[in-house]
Amino acid sequence: MSRSRGQATVEVVGLLPLLALAGVAVLQVLAAGAAHEYAGHAAQAGAIALADGRDARDAARDAIPGWTRRRLTVRVQGRRVHVRLRPPTIVRAAGDMLAAEATADAGPGP
């Protein structure tokens, strides 16, 4: 009986790294999804600001939470606002691969 209990303990300890990896993967997917949503909001906010005659970059940065602002890149080309947002990651290269991009158009000029 004690031998089977020891075997179960060894199996659980052996699975812990796999469970930790799965947990990190789930958190990474959630972070990438949040980055996608935030990028869309930032692009739309920038386009609305551009249509109102305000600075699109400032509006895009103000539309997202503070902790994401340093990961945000905003480009304005004519009446289009293009946003790229890298999600937080453990490995930097993964953040570049999972970066979310969004574009919004401010419509025809005045």
N, C-alpha and C. Protein backbone atom coordinates (compact mmCIF):
# COMPACT_ATOMS: atom_id res chain seq x y z
N MET A 1 0.82 -1.18 0.00
CA MET A 1 0.00 0.00 0.00
C MET A 1 0.87 1.25 0.00
N SER A 2 1.92 1.28 0.80
CA SER A 2 2.77 2.47 0.84
C SER A 2 3.53 2.64 -0.46
N ARG A 3 3.80 1.55 -1.18
CA ARG A 3 4.49 1.65 -2.47
C ARG A 3 3.63 2.37 -3.49
N SER A 4 2.32 2.12 -3.49
CA SER A 4 1.44 2.80 -4.45
C SER A 4 1.28 4.27 -4.10
N ARG A 5 1.34 4.60 -2.82
CA ARG A 5 1.27 6.00 -2.42
C ARG A 5 2.52 6.74 -2.87
N GLY A 6 3.64 6.13 -2.76
CA GLY A 6 4.89 6.73 -3.21
C GLY A 6 4.90 6.93 -4.71
N GLN A 7 4.34 5.98 -5.43
CA GLN A 7 4.27 6.08 -6.89
C GLN A 7 3.42 7.27 -7.30
N ALA A 8 2.30 7.48 -6.63
CA ALA A 8 1.42 8.61 -6.95
C ALA A 8 2.13 9.93 -6.69
N THR A 9 2.90 10.01 -5.62
CA THR A 9 3.65 11.23 -5.32
C THR A 9 4.67 11.51 -6.41
N VAL A 10 5.36 10.49 -6.86
CA VAL A 10 6.36 10.66 -7.92
C VAL A 10 5.68 11.12 -9.21
N GLU A 11 4.52 10.58 -9.52
CA GLU A 11 3.81 10.99 -10.72
C GLU A 11 3.37 12.44 -10.64
N VAL A 12 2.87 12.87 -9.49
CA VAL A 12 2.44 14.26 -9.32
C VAL A 12 3.64 15.20 -9.45
N VAL A 13 4.74 14.87 -8.82
CA VAL A 13 5.94 15.70 -8.91
C VAL A 13 6.44 15.75 -10.35
N GLY A 14 6.34 14.66 -11.06
CA GLY A 14 6.76 14.63 -12.46
C GLY A 14 5.87 15.48 -13.36
N LEU A 15 4.60 15.62 -13.00
CA LEU A 15 3.67 16.41 -13.80
C LEU A 15 3.71 17.91 -13.49
N LEU A 16 4.29 18.31 -12.38
CA LEU A 16 4.29 19.72 -12.00
C LEU A 16 4.91 20.64 -13.06
N PRO A 17 6.06 20.30 -13.64
CA PRO A 17 6.59 21.19 -14.69
C PRO A 17 5.65 21.30 -15.90
N LEU A 18 5.00 20.21 -16.26
CA LEU A 18 4.06 20.25 -17.36
C LEU A 18 2.85 21.11 -17.03
N LEU A 19 2.34 21.01 -15.82
CA LEU A 19 1.22 21.84 -15.39
C LEU A 19 1.62 23.31 -15.35
N ALA A 20 2.83 23.61 -14.88
CA ALA A 20 3.30 24.99 -14.85
C ALA A 20 3.42 25.55 -16.26
N LEU A 21 3.94 24.76 -17.18
CA LEU A 21 4.06 25.19 -18.57
C LEU A 21 2.69 25.45 -19.19
N ALA A 22 1.75 24.58 -18.91
CA ALA A 22 0.39 24.77 -19.43
C ALA A 22 -0.23 26.04 -18.86
N GLY A 23 0.00 26.31 -17.58
CA GLY A 23 -0.51 27.53 -16.97
C GLY A 23 0.08 28.77 -17.59
N VAL A 24 1.38 28.77 -17.85
CA VAL A 24 2.03 29.90 -18.50
C VAL A 24 1.48 30.09 -19.91
N ALA A 25 1.26 29.00 -20.62
CA ALA A 25 0.72 29.09 -21.99
C ALA A 25 -0.68 29.71 -21.98
N VAL A 26 -1.50 29.31 -21.03
CA VAL A 26 -2.85 29.88 -20.93
C VAL A 26 -2.78 31.37 -20.63
N LEU A 27 -1.92 31.77 -19.71
CA LEU A 27 -1.76 33.19 -19.39
C LEU A 27 -1.26 33.97 -20.60
N GLN A 28 -0.38 33.38 -21.39
CA GLN A 28 0.14 34.05 -22.58
C GLN A 28 -0.95 34.25 -23.62
N VAL A 29 -1.80 33.28 -23.78
CA VAL A 29 -2.93 33.41 -24.72
C VAL A 29 -3.88 34.51 -24.26
N LEU A 30 -4.14 34.58 -22.97
CA LEU A 30 -4.99 35.63 -22.44
C LEU A 30 -4.37 37.01 -22.64
N ALA A 31 -3.06 37.13 -22.43
CA ALA A 31 -2.37 38.40 -22.64
C ALA A 31 -2.42 38.81 -24.10
N ALA A 32 -2.27 37.86 -25.01
CA ALA A 32 -2.34 38.17 -26.44
C ALA A 32 -3.75 38.63 -26.83
N GLY A 33 -4.75 38.02 -26.26
CA GLY A 33 -6.14 38.43 -26.52
C GLY A 33 -6.41 39.83 -26.00
N ALA A 34 -5.91 40.14 -24.81
CA ALA A 34 -6.08 41.49 -24.26
C ALA A 34 -5.36 42.51 -25.13
N ALA A 35 -4.17 42.19 -25.60
CA ALA A 35 -3.42 43.09 -26.47
C ALA A 35 -4.20 43.37 -27.76
N HIS A 36 -4.85 42.34 -28.28
CA HIS A 36 -5.65 42.51 -29.50
C HIS A 36 -6.80 43.50 -29.26
N GLU A 37 -7.48 43.34 -28.15
CA GLU A 37 -8.59 44.25 -27.81
C GLU A 37 -8.09 45.67 -27.59
N TYR A 38 -7.02 45.82 -26.83
CA TYR A 38 -6.47 47.15 -26.54
C TYR A 38 -5.98 47.84 -27.80
N ALA A 39 -5.38 47.09 -28.72
CA ALA A 39 -4.90 47.68 -29.97
C ALA A 39 -6.07 48.24 -30.78
N GLY A 40 -7.16 47.51 -30.84
CA GLY A 40 -8.34 48.00 -31.55
C GLY A 40 -8.90 49.26 -30.93
N HIS A 41 -8.97 49.30 -29.61
CA HIS A 41 -9.47 50.49 -28.91
C HIS A 41 -8.56 51.69 -29.16
N ALA A 42 -7.25 51.45 -29.10
CA ALA A 42 -6.30 52.54 -29.30
C ALA A 42 -6.38 53.10 -30.72
N ALA A 43 -6.50 52.23 -31.70
CA ALA A 43 -6.59 52.68 -33.09
C ALA A 43 -7.87 53.49 -33.31
N GLN A 44 -8.98 53.04 -32.77
CA GLN A 44 -10.23 53.77 -32.91
C GLN A 44 -10.17 55.12 -32.20
N ALA A 45 -9.60 55.14 -31.01
CA ALA A 45 -9.48 56.41 -30.28
C ALA A 45 -8.59 57.39 -31.04
N GLY A 46 -7.53 56.88 -31.64
CA GLY A 46 -6.65 57.74 -32.43
C GLY A 46 -7.36 58.30 -33.65
N ALA A 47 -8.14 57.47 -34.33
CA ALA A 47 -8.87 57.93 -35.52
C ALA A 47 -9.93 58.96 -35.15
N ILE A 48 -10.61 58.76 -34.05
CA ILE A 48 -11.62 59.74 -33.60
C ILE A 48 -10.95 61.07 -33.27
N ALA A 49 -9.82 61.01 -32.59
CA ALA A 49 -9.08 62.23 -32.26
C ALA A 49 -8.61 62.93 -33.53
N LEU A 50 -8.14 62.17 -34.49
CA LEU A 50 -7.68 62.74 -35.76
C LEU A 50 -8.84 63.45 -36.47
N ALA A 51 -10.01 62.83 -36.46
CA ALA A 51 -11.18 63.42 -37.10
C ALA A 51 -11.60 64.71 -36.38
N ASP A 52 -11.35 64.79 -35.07
CA ASP A 52 -11.69 65.98 -34.28
C ASP A 52 -10.59 67.04 -34.31
N GLY A 53 -9.48 66.74 -35.01
CA GLY A 53 -8.39 67.70 -35.08
C GLY A 53 -7.43 67.64 -33.91
N ARG A 54 -7.47 66.57 -33.13
CA ARG A 54 -6.56 66.41 -32.00
C ARG A 54 -5.43 65.45 -32.36
N ASP A 55 -4.48 65.31 -31.46
CA ASP A 55 -3.33 64.43 -31.70
C ASP A 55 -3.73 62.97 -31.56
N ALA A 56 -3.57 62.22 -32.63
CA ALA A 56 -3.98 60.81 -32.65
C ALA A 56 -3.10 59.96 -31.76
N ARG A 57 -1.81 60.25 -31.69
CA ARG A 57 -0.90 59.45 -30.86
C ARG A 57 -1.24 59.56 -29.39
N ASP A 58 -1.48 60.78 -28.94
CA ASP A 58 -1.85 60.97 -27.53
C ASP A 58 -3.17 60.28 -27.20
N ALA A 59 -4.13 60.38 -28.10
CA ALA A 59 -5.44 59.76 -27.85
C ALA A 59 -5.31 58.24 -27.81
N ALA A 60 -4.50 57.67 -28.69
CA ALA A 60 -4.31 56.22 -28.70
C ALA A 60 -3.66 55.76 -27.40
N ARG A 61 -2.66 56.49 -26.94
CA ARG A 61 -1.99 56.13 -25.69
C ARG A 61 -2.90 56.29 -24.48
N ASP A 62 -3.76 57.29 -24.52
CA ASP A 62 -4.68 57.51 -23.40
C ASP A 62 -5.82 56.49 -23.36
N ALA A 63 -6.05 55.79 -24.46
CA ALA A 63 -7.16 54.84 -24.55
C ALA A 63 -6.86 53.48 -23.93
N ILE A 64 -5.61 53.24 -23.56
CA ILE A 64 -5.23 51.93 -23.03
C ILE A 64 -4.68 52.08 -21.62
N PRO A 65 -4.64 50.99 -20.85
CA PRO A 65 -4.11 51.06 -19.49
C PRO A 65 -2.63 51.47 -19.47
N GLY A 66 -2.22 52.11 -18.41
CA GLY A 66 -0.86 52.62 -18.30
C GLY A 66 0.23 51.57 -18.46
N TRP A 67 0.00 50.37 -17.98
CA TRP A 67 1.05 49.35 -18.04
C TRP A 67 1.31 48.87 -19.47
N THR A 68 0.43 49.17 -20.40
CA THR A 68 0.64 48.74 -21.78
C THR A 68 1.26 49.82 -22.66
N ARG A 69 1.34 51.04 -22.18
CA ARG A 69 1.76 52.16 -23.03
C ARG A 69 3.18 52.03 -23.55
N ARG A 70 4.08 51.48 -22.79
CA ARG A 70 5.46 51.37 -23.29
C ARG A 70 5.60 50.29 -24.35
N ARG A 71 4.59 49.46 -24.51
CA ARG A 71 4.61 48.40 -25.52
C ARG A 71 3.86 48.80 -26.79
N LEU A 72 3.38 50.04 -26.82
CA LEU A 72 2.53 50.52 -27.91
C LEU A 72 3.33 51.33 -28.93
N THR A 73 3.07 51.07 -30.21
CA THR A 73 3.63 51.85 -31.30
C THR A 73 2.47 52.39 -32.12
N VAL A 74 2.46 53.70 -32.35
CA VAL A 74 1.38 54.34 -33.11
C VAL A 74 1.98 55.03 -34.32
N ARG A 75 1.42 54.75 -35.50
CA ARG A 75 1.81 55.41 -36.74
C ARG A 75 0.58 56.08 -37.34
N VAL A 76 0.76 57.32 -37.75
CA VAL A 76 -0.33 58.04 -38.42
C VAL A 76 0.12 58.31 -39.85
N GLN A 77 -0.68 57.85 -40.81
CA GLN A 77 -0.41 58.08 -42.22
C GLN A 77 -1.66 58.67 -42.84
N GLY A 78 -1.61 59.95 -43.09
CA GLY A 78 -2.78 60.62 -43.63
C GLY A 78 -3.91 60.59 -42.62
N ARG A 79 -5.01 59.94 -42.99
CA ARG A 79 -6.18 59.84 -42.10
C ARG A 79 -6.29 58.47 -41.45
N ARG A 80 -5.23 57.67 -41.56
CA ARG A 80 -5.22 56.33 -40.96
C ARG A 80 -4.32 56.29 -39.74
N VAL A 81 -4.78 55.55 -38.74
CA VAL A 81 -4.01 55.34 -37.52
C VAL A 81 -3.72 53.85 -37.41
N HIS A 82 -2.44 53.51 -37.37
CA HIS A 82 -2.03 52.11 -37.26
C HIS A 82 -1.37 51.93 -35.89
N VAL A 83 -1.82 50.90 -35.17
CA VAL A 83 -1.34 50.64 -33.81
C VAL A 83 -0.77 49.23 -33.75
N ARG A 84 0.35 49.09 -33.05
CA ARG A 84 0.95 47.77 -32.79
C ARG A 84 1.21 47.68 -31.30
N LEU A 85 0.72 46.62 -30.68
CA LEU A 85 0.85 46.44 -29.23
C LEU A 85 1.40 45.05 -28.93
N ARG A 86 2.54 45.01 -28.23
CA ARG A 86 3.14 43.74 -27.82
C ARG A 86 2.59 43.34 -26.45
N PRO A 87 2.10 42.13 -26.32
CA PRO A 87 1.63 41.69 -25.00
C PRO A 87 2.81 41.39 -24.08
N PRO A 88 2.59 41.44 -22.78
CA PRO A 88 3.67 41.07 -21.86
C PRO A 88 3.98 39.58 -22.00
N THR A 89 5.27 39.25 -22.04
CA THR A 89 5.69 37.86 -22.19
C THR A 89 6.92 37.58 -21.35
N ILE A 90 7.19 36.32 -21.14
CA ILE A 90 8.40 35.92 -20.46
C ILE A 90 9.58 35.98 -21.42
N VAL A 91 9.35 35.55 -22.65
CA VAL A 91 10.38 35.56 -23.70
C VAL A 91 10.06 36.69 -24.67
N ARG A 92 10.97 37.64 -24.83
CA ARG A 92 10.72 38.83 -25.66
C ARG A 92 10.33 38.47 -27.10
N ALA A 93 10.96 37.48 -27.68
CA ALA A 93 10.65 37.09 -29.06
C ALA A 93 9.19 36.64 -29.18
N ALA A 94 8.66 36.03 -28.16
CA ALA A 94 7.25 35.62 -28.20
C ALA A 94 6.35 36.84 -28.24
N GLY A 95 6.72 37.90 -27.55
CA GLY A 95 5.94 39.13 -27.58
C GLY A 95 5.89 39.74 -28.96
N ASP A 96 7.00 39.68 -29.68
CA ASP A 96 7.02 40.19 -31.04
C ASP A 96 6.16 39.34 -31.97
N MET A 97 6.16 38.03 -31.77
CA MET A 97 5.35 37.15 -32.61
C MET A 97 3.86 37.30 -32.32
N LEU A 98 3.51 37.58 -31.07
CA LEU A 98 2.10 37.68 -30.67
C LEU A 98 1.57 39.11 -30.70
N ALA A 99 2.37 40.05 -31.21
CA ALA A 99 1.95 41.45 -31.22
C ALA A 99 0.64 41.62 -31.98
N ALA A 100 -0.21 42.46 -31.43
CA ALA A 100 -1.51 42.74 -32.05
C ALA A 100 -1.41 44.03 -32.85
N GLU A 101 -2.03 44.04 -34.00
CA GLU A 101 -2.03 45.23 -34.85
C GLU A 101 -3.47 45.58 -35.21
N ALA A 102 -3.73 46.88 -35.28
CA ALA A 102 -5.05 47.36 -35.65
C ALA A 102 -4.90 48.67 -36.41
N THR A 103 -5.82 48.89 -37.33
CA THR A 103 -5.83 50.12 -38.12
C THR A 103 -7.23 50.69 -38.11
N ALA A 104 -7.31 52.00 -37.98
CA ALA A 104 -8.60 52.69 -38.04
C ALA A 104 -8.46 53.89 -38.96
N ASP A 105 -9.54 54.20 -39.65
CA ASP A 105 -9.56 55.30 -40.61
C ASP A 105 -10.43 56.42 -40.06
N ALA A 106 -9.92 57.65 -40.13
CA ALA A 106 -10.65 58.80 -39.62
C ALA A 106 -11.67 59.33 -40.63
N GLY A 107 -11.77 58.70 -41.78
CA GLY A 107 -12.74 59.12 -42.78
C GLY A 107 -12.19 60.25 -43.66
N PRO A 108 -13.00 60.78 -44.52
CA PRO A 108 -12.53 61.84 -45.41
C PRO A 108 -12.20 63.10 -44.61
N GLY A 109 -11.20 63.81 -45.08
CA GLY A 109 -10.77 65.03 -44.40
C GLY A 109 -11.79 66.15 -44.51
N PRO A 110 -11.60 67.17 -43.69
CA PRO A 110 -12.54 68.30 -43.69
C PRO A 110 -12.50 69.11 -44.95
